[in-house]
Amino acid sequence: MELDTKNRKLEQELQELSQQRKQAAKKREIEKGIEIRNTISHLEPLAREAKEQLTKMLLLVPNIPHEDVPIGKDESENQVLKQIGEIPEFDFIPKSHEEIGKSL
């Protein structure tokens, strides 16, 4: 939660500074614009690092299935609950996504 809060705070601060920089440019306040640009260039790496850390941490959080989902040993025990349309039949053996990707 701390990392999320830090990430949001940095993003908000960068957005506000960007708006201030645009306004300074409209008013032709060159010195203020340079000062804001320097602050932004200092904060951007911190924001990028915070976002990367948050993303890495979130990828470790497991995706918990709904309580109604039956537990099986592998995908062969999956249950089809709804099927829309007809399953196409081919007169050849279709290639997998991996095979198609490799050929491209």
Protein backbone atom coordinates (compact mmCIF):
# COMPACT_ATOMS: atom_id res chain seq x y z
CA MET A 1 0.00 0.00 0.00
CA GLU A 2 2.88 2.35 0.80
CA LEU A 3 4.38 1.76 -2.63
CA ASP A 4 1.03 2.39 -4.32
CA THR A 5 0.61 5.63 -2.35
CA LYS A 6 4.14 6.73 -3.29
CA ASN A 7 3.51 5.91 -6.95
CA ARG A 8 0.23 7.85 -7.05
CA LYS A 9 1.76 10.83 -5.26
CA LEU A 10 4.67 11.02 -7.71
CA GLU A 11 2.36 10.69 -10.73
CA GLN A 12 0.08 13.44 -9.41
CA GLU A 13 3.03 15.71 -8.67
CA LEU A 14 4.42 15.19 -12.18
CA GLN A 15 1.04 16.01 -13.73
CA GLU A 16 0.74 19.20 -11.68
CA LEU A 17 4.28 20.25 -12.59
CA SER A 18 3.58 19.59 -16.24
CA GLN A 19 0.52 21.86 -16.09
CA GLN A 20 2.52 24.56 -14.31
CA ARG A 21 5.22 24.29 -16.98
CA LYS A 22 2.64 24.76 -19.75
CA GLN A 23 1.23 27.82 -18.00
CA ALA A 24 4.72 29.25 -17.51
CA ALA A 25 5.37 28.76 -21.22
CA LYS A 26 2.15 30.59 -22.12
CA LYS A 27 3.13 33.48 -19.84
CA ARG A 28 6.71 33.34 -21.15
CA GLU A 29 8.15 32.86 -17.69
CA ILE A 30 11.39 31.27 -18.89
CA GLU A 31 13.17 31.00 -15.53
CA LYS A 32 10.15 29.38 -13.88
CA GLY A 33 9.81 26.96 -16.80
CA ILE A 34 13.45 25.92 -16.49
CA GLU A 35 13.07 25.39 -12.74
CA ILE A 36 9.96 23.25 -13.26
CA ARG A 37 11.67 21.26 -16.03
CA ASN A 38 14.60 20.49 -13.70
CA THR A 39 12.22 19.34 -10.97
CA ILE A 40 10.38 17.13 -13.46
CA SER A 41 13.63 15.60 -14.72
CA HIS A 42 14.54 14.79 -11.10
CA LEU A 43 11.15 13.22 -10.28
CA GLU A 44 10.62 11.19 -13.48
CA PRO A 45 13.22 8.51 -12.65
CA LEU A 46 11.80 8.21 -9.12
CA ALA A 47 8.28 7.79 -10.50
CA ARG A 48 9.45 5.25 -13.08
CA GLU A 49 11.25 3.23 -10.39
CA ALA A 50 8.24 3.34 -8.05
CA LYS A 51 5.95 2.16 -10.87
CA GLU A 52 8.32 -0.68 -11.80
CA GLN A 53 8.56 -1.82 -8.17
CA LEU A 54 4.78 -1.70 -7.80
CA THR A 55 4.29 -3.69 -11.00
CA LYS A 56 6.79 -6.34 -9.88
CA MET A 57 5.06 -6.61 -6.53
CA LEU A 58 1.59 -6.86 -8.08
CA LEU A 59 2.75 -9.65 -10.37
CA LEU A 60 3.46 -11.72 -7.26
CA VAL A 61 -0.14 -11.45 -6.04
CA PRO A 62 -1.97 -14.64 -7.02
CA ASN A 63 -5.17 -14.53 -9.02
CA ILE A 64 -7.65 -16.18 -6.67
CA PRO A 65 -10.37 -18.12 -8.51
CA HIS A 66 -14.03 -17.77 -7.59
CA GLU A 67 -15.19 -20.11 -4.83
CA ASP A 68 -17.50 -21.94 -7.29
CA VAL A 69 -14.57 -22.98 -9.50
CA PRO A 70 -13.88 -26.71 -9.04
CA ILE A 71 -10.32 -27.75 -8.27
CA GLY A 72 -8.78 -30.07 -10.84
CA LYS A 73 -5.39 -31.67 -11.44
CA ASP A 74 -4.89 -29.83 -14.76
CA GLU A 75 -6.79 -28.23 -17.66
CA SER A 76 -8.22 -31.59 -18.73
CA GLU A 77 -10.62 -31.33 -15.78
CA ASN A 78 -11.89 -27.88 -16.78
CA GLN A 79 -15.65 -27.60 -17.19
CA VAL A 80 -17.24 -25.75 -20.12
CA LEU A 81 -20.03 -23.61 -18.69
CA LYS A 82 -21.05 -21.77 -21.84
CA GLN A 83 -20.23 -22.09 -25.53
CA ILE A 84 -21.15 -19.45 -28.07
CA GLY A 85 -21.29 -20.36 -31.74
CA GLU A 86 -20.16 -23.53 -33.41
CA ILE A 87 -16.68 -24.98 -33.18
CA PRO A 88 -15.20 -24.94 -36.71
CA GLU A 89 -14.04 -28.17 -38.30
CA PHE A 90 -11.04 -28.11 -40.64
CA ASP A 91 -9.83 -30.53 -43.29
CA PHE A 92 -6.28 -29.94 -42.02
CA ILE A 93 -4.55 -29.84 -38.63
CA PRO A 94 -4.58 -26.21 -37.41
CA LYS A 95 -1.32 -24.75 -36.14
CA SER A 96 -1.01 -23.45 -32.59
CA HIS A 97 -0.42 -19.75 -31.89
CA GLU A 98 3.18 -20.60 -31.05
CA GLU A 99 3.76 -22.34 -34.41
CA ILE A 100 2.19 -19.44 -36.31
CA GLY A 101 4.28 -16.91 -34.37
CA LYS A 102 7.52 -18.76 -35.07
CA SER A 103 6.74 -18.95 -38.80
CA LEU A 104 6.19 -15.18 -38.92
